[in-house]
Amino acid sequence: MVSNGRGRWNSRPQVVPDAPPAPASVPDPRRFGRQLLPYLDDAYRYARYLSRDQSAAEDIVQEAFLRALKGYASCHSNEKAWLFAIVRNCFIDWGKSNRLGNAGDAADITEILTDADTPETALQRQFDALSVRDAIAGLPEPFREAIILRELDALSYREIASITDVPIGTVMSRLARARILLATLFLSGERKGMRA
């Protein structure tokens, strides 16, 4: 029985309004950091190759990590593949809102130099690294994406298929085609260099 406030007892229970919904599960930031932050550099490199633009890659990765934090509860398997799928989706969204095709910034040369290099070997390493980056950047997007994920990020065919949402056979054919295109670009570049 419940008092009605006027000294009388009411046999009907009071209706209590519904409690506010419990807050959505918030991921443990320490676990999130341990699981995904080791892939920050890889995610940036992937976004950089996709977008061909340093500042765009930074924006893409920032958005990807925000989305990853919000959706971390849905990650049940390979964190790296899951994160790269988010990076790819952020790149696609960025591409829709910004016109694709910008050449992007030149690579930071200091990343590839070591203290043991002589000036000649440092120059050759710079040239080789820039040649590889330029060749990869010159590939059409599906081939560029496949070669980056496989050769630079060492993902399996299954992981690449999951990230790009295509069958494994398509991943394999894109990789084969990308390697042929890269070989062709390097051979034509060597011939041009020999003539000069």
C-alpha atoms as a PDB file:
ATOM      1  CA  MET A   1       0.000   0.000   0.000  1.00  0.00           C
ATOM      2  CA  VAL A   2       1.143   3.522  -0.822  1.00  0.00           C
ATOM      3  CA  SER A   3       0.223   6.760   0.950  1.00  0.00           C
ATOM      4  CA  ASN A   4      -1.513   9.304  -1.247  1.00  0.00           C
ATOM      5  CA  GLY A   5      -0.133  12.204   0.788  1.00  0.00           C
ATOM      6  CA  ARG A   6      -3.508  13.060   2.475  1.00  0.00           C
ATOM      7  CA  GLY A   7      -3.349  10.484   5.204  1.00  0.00           C
ATOM      8  CA  ARG A   8      -5.097   7.808   3.173  1.00  0.00           C
ATOM      9  CA  TRP A   9      -3.588   4.655   1.883  1.00  0.00           C
ATOM     10  CA  ASN A  10      -3.993   3.658  -1.724  1.00  0.00           C
ATOM     11  CA  SER A  11      -3.816   0.021  -2.676  1.00  0.00           C
ATOM     12  CA  ARG A  12      -2.624   0.823  -6.182  1.00  0.00           C
ATOM     13  CA  PRO A  13       1.147   1.186  -6.574  1.00  0.00           C
ATOM     14  CA  GLN A  14       2.475   4.429  -7.890  1.00  0.00           C
ATOM     15  CA  VAL A  15       3.732   4.446 -11.439  1.00  0.00           C
ATOM     16  CA  VAL A  16       7.394   5.295 -11.477  1.00  0.00           C
ATOM     17  CA  PRO A  17       8.639   6.823 -14.727  1.00  0.00           C
ATOM     18  CA  ASP A  18      11.097   4.753 -16.698  1.00  0.00           C
ATOM     19  CA  ALA A  19      14.670   5.259 -15.711  1.00  0.00           C
ATOM     20  CA  PRO A  20      16.849   6.891 -18.339  1.00  0.00           C
ATOM     21  CA  PRO A  21      18.542   4.349 -20.587  1.00  0.00           C
ATOM     22  CA  ALA A  22      21.921   3.148 -19.471  1.00  0.00           C
ATOM     23  CA  PRO A  23      24.770   4.880 -21.308  1.00  0.00           C
ATOM     24  CA  ALA A  24      26.127   3.019 -24.291  1.00  0.00           C
ATOM     25  CA  SER A  25      29.083   0.869 -23.450  1.00  0.00           C
ATOM     26  CA  VAL A  26      32.161   3.028 -23.408  1.00  0.00           C
ATOM     27  CA  PRO A  27      35.316   1.203 -24.489  1.00  0.00           C
ATOM     28  CA  ASP A  28      38.158   0.937 -22.051  1.00  0.00           C
ATOM     29  CA  PRO A  29      40.618   3.563 -23.354  1.00  0.00           C
ATOM     30  CA  ARG A  30      43.598   1.575 -22.099  1.00  0.00           C
ATOM     31  CA  ARG A  31      42.499  -1.542 -23.983  1.00  0.00           C
ATOM     32  CA  PHE A  32      41.702   0.519 -27.069  1.00  0.00           C
ATOM     33  CA  GLY A  33      45.146   2.105 -26.897  1.00  0.00           C
ATOM     34  CA  ARG A  34      46.919  -1.221 -26.405  1.00  0.00           C
ATOM     35  CA  GLN A  35      45.041  -2.880 -29.253  1.00  0.00           C
ATOM     36  CA  LEU A  36      44.917  -0.149 -31.913  1.00  0.00           C
ATOM     37  CA  LEU A  37      47.587   2.485 -31.294  1.00  0.00           C
ATOM     38  CA  PRO A  38      50.377   0.152 -32.460  1.00  0.00           C
ATOM     39  CA  TYR A  39      48.767   0.369 -35.921  1.00  0.00           C
ATOM     40  CA  LEU A  40      48.709   4.174 -36.032  1.00  0.00           C
ATOM     41  CA  ASP A  41      51.764   4.490 -38.303  1.00  0.00           C
ATOM     42  CA  ASP A  42      50.514   1.723 -40.604  1.00  0.00           C
ATOM     43  CA  ALA A  43      47.090   3.353 -40.804  1.00  0.00           C
ATOM     44  CA  TYR A  44      48.685   6.686 -41.645  1.00  0.00           C
ATOM     45  CA  ARG A  45      50.877   5.135 -44.345  1.00  0.00           C
ATOM     46  CA  TYR A  46      47.839   3.399 -45.836  1.00  0.00           C
ATOM     47  CA  ALA A  47      45.815   6.638 -45.799  1.00  0.00           C
ATOM     48  CA  ARG A  48      48.763   8.529 -47.277  1.00  0.00           C
ATOM     49  CA  TYR A  49      49.085   6.140 -50.192  1.00  0.00           C
ATOM     50  CA  LEU A  50      45.347   6.152 -50.786  1.00  0.00           C
ATOM     51  CA  SER A  51      44.906   9.910 -50.625  1.00  0.00           C
ATOM     52  CA  ARG A  52      48.321  10.948 -51.954  1.00  0.00           C
ATOM     53  CA  ASP A  53      48.142  13.893 -49.579  1.00  0.00           C
ATOM     54  CA  GLN A  54      49.853  14.266 -46.192  1.00  0.00           C
ATOM     55  CA  SER A  55      47.293  16.491 -44.499  1.00  0.00           C
ATOM     56  CA  ALA A  56      44.391  14.513 -45.944  1.00  0.00           C
ATOM     57  CA  ALA A  57      45.963  11.324 -44.599  1.00  0.00           C
ATOM     58  CA  GLU A  58      46.200  12.903 -41.154  1.00  0.00           C
ATOM     59  CA  ASP A  59      42.526  13.890 -41.298  1.00  0.00           C
ATOM     60  CA  ILE A  60      41.519  10.459 -42.556  1.00  0.00           C
ATOM     61  CA  VAL A  61      43.407   8.655 -39.795  1.00  0.00           C
ATOM     62  CA  GLN A  62      42.034  10.992 -37.134  1.00  0.00           C
ATOM     63  CA  GLU A  63      38.482  10.329 -38.318  1.00  0.00           C
ATOM     64  CA  ALA A  64      39.197   6.599 -38.549  1.00  0.00           C
ATOM     65  CA  PHE A  65      40.406   6.449 -34.955  1.00  0.00           C
ATOM     66  CA  LEU A  66      37.360   8.397 -33.772  1.00  0.00           C
ATOM     67  CA  ARG A  67      35.088   5.945 -35.570  1.00  0.00           C
ATOM     68  CA  ALA A  68      37.105   3.037 -34.238  1.00  0.00           C
ATOM     69  CA  LEU A  69      36.734   4.323 -30.680  1.00  0.00           C
ATOM     70  CA  LYS A  70      32.970   4.706 -31.082  1.00  0.00           C
ATOM     71  CA  GLY A  71      32.567   1.285 -32.656  1.00  0.00           C
ATOM     72  CA  TYR A  72      35.214  -0.623 -30.741  1.00  0.00           C
ATOM     73  CA  ALA A  73      32.638  -2.930 -29.165  1.00  0.00           C
ATOM     74  CA  SER A  74      31.951  -4.358 -32.644  1.00  0.00           C
ATOM     75  CA  CYS A  75      35.575  -5.418 -33.175  1.00  0.00           C
ATOM     76  CA  HIS A  76      35.681  -9.130 -32.470  1.00  0.00           C
ATOM     77  CA  SER A  77      38.632 -10.355 -34.496  1.00  0.00           C
ATOM     78  CA  ASN A  78      41.694  -8.962 -36.264  1.00  0.00           C
ATOM     79  CA  GLU A  79      42.040  -5.392 -34.994  1.00  0.00           C
ATOM     80  CA  LYS A  80      44.412  -4.309 -37.764  1.00  0.00           C
ATOM     81  CA  ALA A  81      42.140  -5.475 -40.582  1.00  0.00           C
ATOM     82  CA  TRP A  82      39.145  -3.940 -38.799  1.00  0.00           C
ATOM     83  CA  LEU A  83      40.959  -0.609 -38.399  1.00  0.00           C
ATOM     84  CA  PHE A  84      42.145  -0.602 -42.015  1.00  0.00           C
ATOM     85  CA  ALA A  85      38.579  -1.169 -43.202  1.00  0.00           C
ATOM     86  CA  ILE A  86      37.599   1.940 -41.237  1.00  0.00           C
ATOM     87  CA  VAL A  87      40.522   3.897 -42.728  1.00  0.00           C
ATOM     88  CA  ARG A  88      39.407   2.829 -46.188  1.00  0.00           C
ATOM     89  CA  ASN A  89      35.823   3.928 -45.521  1.00  0.00           C
ATOM     90  CA  CYS A  90      37.073   7.275 -44.201  1.00  0.00           C
ATOM     91  CA  PHE A  91      39.155   7.673 -47.360  1.00  0.00           C
ATOM     92  CA  ILE A  92      36.088   6.970 -49.490  1.00  0.00           C
ATOM     93  CA  ASP A  93      34.098   9.545 -47.518  1.00  0.00           C
ATOM     94  CA  TRP A  94      36.953  12.036 -47.831  1.00  0.00           C
ATOM     95  CA  GLY A  95      37.100  11.372 -51.580  1.00  0.00           C
ATOM     96  CA  LYS A  96      33.400  12.096 -51.939  1.00  0.00           C
ATOM     97  CA  SER A  97      33.697  15.412 -50.141  1.00  0.00           C
ATOM     98  CA  ASN A  98      37.024  16.393 -51.742  1.00  0.00           C
ATOM     99  CA  ARG A  99      37.926  15.970 -55.339  1.00  0.00           C
ATOM    100  CA  LEU A 100      40.355  13.106 -55.807  1.00  0.00           C
ATOM    101  CA  GLY A 101      43.415  13.405 -57.950  1.00  0.00           C
ATOM    102  CA  ASN A 102      45.566  15.850 -55.984  1.00  0.00           C
ATOM    103  CA  ALA A 103      49.212  15.047 -56.372  1.00  0.00           C
ATOM    104  CA  GLY A 104      49.943  15.405 -52.662  1.00  0.00           C
ATOM    105  CA  ASP A 105      53.086  16.465 -50.896  1.00  0.00           C
ATOM    106  CA  ALA A 106      56.544  15.115 -51.554  1.00  0.00           C
ATOM    107  CA  ALA A 107      57.729  12.396 -49.198  1.00  0.00           C
ATOM    108  CA  ASP A 108      59.800  13.403 -46.196  1.00  0.00           C
ATOM    109  CA  ILE A 109      63.318  12.459 -47.227  1.00  0.00           C
ATOM    110  CA  THR A 110      64.653  12.394 -43.679  1.00  0.00           C
ATOM    111  CA  GLU A 111      62.594   9.251 -42.997  1.00  0.00           C
ATOM    112  CA  ILE A 112      64.848   7.154 -45.209  1.00  0.00           C
ATOM    113  CA  LEU A 113      68.304   8.427 -44.233  1.00  0.00           C
ATOM    114  CA  THR A 114      70.571   6.723 -41.744  1.00  0.00           C
ATOM    115  CA  ASP A 115      73.732   7.961 -40.024  1.00  0.00           C
ATOM    116  CA  ALA A 116      75.859   5.282 -41.740  1.00  0.00           C
ATOM    117  CA  ASP A 117      75.055   6.544 -45.239  1.00  0.00           C
ATOM    118  CA  THR A 118      77.716   8.265 -47.270  1.00  0.00           C
ATOM    119  CA  PRO A 119      76.436  11.172 -49.335  1.00  0.00           C
ATOM    120  CA  GLU A 120      76.411   8.939 -52.425  1.00  0.00           C
ATOM    121  CA  THR A 121      74.526   6.053 -50.819  1.00  0.00           C
ATOM    122  CA  ALA A 122      72.131   8.481 -49.136  1.00  0.00           C
ATOM    123  CA  LEU A 123      71.384  10.062 -52.502  1.00  0.00           C
ATOM    124  CA  GLN A 124      70.868   6.647 -54.108  1.00  0.00           C
ATOM    125  CA  ARG A 125      68.579   5.547 -51.258  1.00  0.00           C
ATOM    126  CA  GLN A 126      66.584   8.762 -51.609  1.00  0.00           C
ATOM    127  CA  PHE A 127      66.249   8.207 -55.329  1.00  0.00           C
ATOM    128  CA  ASP A 128      65.246   4.549 -54.898  1.00  0.00           C
ATOM    129  CA  ALA A 129      62.704   5.300 -52.166  1.00  0.00           C
ATOM    130  CA  LEU A 130      61.185   8.160 -54.140  1.00  0.00           C
ATOM    131  CA  SER A 131      61.088   6.010 -57.253  1.00  0.00           C
ATOM    132  CA  VAL A 132      59.217   3.269 -55.410  1.00  0.00           C
ATOM    133  CA  ARG A 133      56.810   5.753 -53.824  1.00  0.00           C
ATOM    134  CA  ASP A 134      56.202   7.472 -57.152  1.00  0.00           C
ATOM    135  CA  ALA A 135      55.646   4.147 -58.890  1.00  0.00           C
ATOM    136  CA  ILE A 136      53.181   2.989 -56.233  1.00  0.00           C
ATOM    137  CA  ALA A 137      51.445   6.367 -56.242  1.00  0.00           C
ATOM    138  CA  GLY A 138      51.100   6.075 -60.017  1.00  0.00           C
ATOM    139  CA  LEU A 139      49.152   2.826 -59.830  1.00  0.00           C
ATOM    140  CA  PRO A 140      45.371   2.916 -60.253  1.00  0.00           C
ATOM    141  CA  GLU A 141      43.628   2.916 -56.872  1.00  0.00           C
ATOM    142  CA  PRO A 142      42.550  -0.760 -56.581  1.00  0.00           C
ATOM    143  CA  PHE A 143      46.057  -1.971 -57.463  1.00  0.00           C
ATOM    144  CA  ARG A 144      47.770   0.640 -55.290  1.00  0.00           C
ATOM    145  CA  GLU A 145      45.591  -0.316 -52.341  1.00  0.00           C
ATOM    146  CA  ALA A 146      46.229  -4.041 -52.756  1.00  0.00           C
ATOM    147  CA  ILE A 147      50.003  -3.678 -53.036  1.00  0.00           C
ATOM    148  CA  ILE A 148      50.175  -1.369 -49.999  1.00  0.00           C
ATOM    149  CA  LEU A 149      48.123  -3.688 -47.815  1.00  0.00           C
ATOM    150  CA  ARG A 150      50.063  -6.785 -48.868  1.00  0.00           C
ATOM    151  CA  GLU A 151      53.646  -5.607 -49.270  1.00  0.00           C
ATOM    152  CA  LEU A 152      53.883  -2.677 -46.866  1.00  0.00           C
ATOM    153  CA  ASP A 153      51.436  -3.764 -44.169  1.00  0.00           C
ATOM    154  CA  ALA A 154      51.970  -7.529 -44.567  1.00  0.00           C
ATOM    155  CA  LEU A 155      48.272  -8.386 -44.415  1.00  0.00           C
ATOM    156  CA  SER A 156      46.991 -11.751 -45.594  1.00  0.00           C
ATOM    157  CA  TYR A 157      44.834 -12.149 -48.692  1.00  0.00           C
ATOM    158  CA  ARG A 158      41.863 -12.878 -46.431  1.00  0.00           C
ATOM    159  CA  GLU A 159      42.451  -9.684 -44.426  1.00  0.00           C
ATOM    160  CA  ILE A 160      42.781  -7.622 -47.600  1.00  0.00           C
ATOM    161  CA  ALA A 161      39.590  -9.160 -48.955  1.00  0.00           C
ATOM    162  CA  SER A 162      37.821  -8.254 -45.724  1.00  0.00           C
ATOM    163  CA  ILE A 163      39.107  -4.663 -45.772  1.00  0.00           C
ATOM    164  CA  THR A 164      38.337  -4.019 -49.439  1.00  0.00           C
ATOM    165  CA  ASP A 165      35.117  -6.060 -49.458  1.00  0.00           C
ATOM    166  CA  VAL A 166      36.071  -8.127 -52.511  1.00  0.00           C
ATOM    167  CA  PRO A 167      36.635 -11.872 -52.985  1.00  0.00           C
ATOM    168  CA  ILE A 168      40.102 -13.315 -52.311  1.00  0.00           C
ATOM    169  CA  GLY A 169      40.482 -14.135 -56.007  1.00  0.00           C
ATOM    170  CA  THR A 170      40.046 -10.456 -56.839  1.00  0.00           C
ATOM    171  CA  VAL A 171      42.705  -9.553 -54.274  1.00  0.00           C
ATOM    172  CA  MET A 172      45.090 -12.052 -55.852  1.00  0.00           C
ATOM    173  CA  SER A 173      44.467 -10.768 -59.375  1.00  0.00           C
ATOM    174  CA  ARG A 174      44.868  -7.141 -58.266  1.00  0.00           C
ATOM    175  CA  LEU A 175      48.180  -7.975 -56.602  1.00  0.00           C
ATOM    176  CA  ALA A 176      49.421  -9.797 -59.690  1.00  0.00           C
ATOM    177  CA  ARG A 177      48.396  -6.899 -61.900  1.00  0.00           C
ATOM    178  CA  ALA A 178      49.959  -4.343 -59.520  1.00  0.00           C
ATOM    179  CA  ARG A 179      53.268  -6.218 -59.548  1.00  0.00           C
ATOM    180  CA  ILE A 180      53.259  -6.340 -63.351  1.00  0.00           C
ATOM    181  CA  LEU A 181      52.503  -2.620 -63.540  1.00  0.00           C
ATOM    182  CA  LEU A 182      55.274  -1.815 -61.057  1.00  0.00           C
ATOM    183  CA  ALA A 183      57.780  -3.953 -62.942  1.00  0.00           C
ATOM    184  CA  THR A 184      56.799  -2.216 -66.177  1.00  0.00           C
ATOM    185  CA  LEU A 185      57.178   1.216 -64.581  1.00  0.00           C
ATOM    186  CA  PHE A 186      60.612   0.347 -63.185  1.00  0.00           C
ATOM    187  CA  LEU A 187      61.848  -1.174 -66.433  1.00  0.00           C
ATOM    188  CA  SER A 188      60.717   1.848 -68.423  1.00  0.00           C
ATOM    189  CA  GLY A 189      62.308   4.142 -65.807  1.00  0.00           C
ATOM    190  CA  GLU A 190      65.618   2.263 -65.985  1.00  0.00           C
ATOM    191  CA  ARG A 191      65.645   2.499 -69.768  1.00  0.00           C
ATOM    192  CA  LYS A 192      64.974   6.246 -69.598  1.00  0.00           C
ATOM    193  CA  GLY A 193      67.729   6.636 -67.009  1.00  0.00           C
ATOM    194  CA  MET A 194      70.197   4.697 -69.166  1.00  0.00           C
ATOM    195  CA  ARG A 195      69.514   6.955 -72.141  1.00  0.00           C
ATOM    196  CA  ALA A 196      70.013  10.163 -70.198  1.00  0.00           C
END
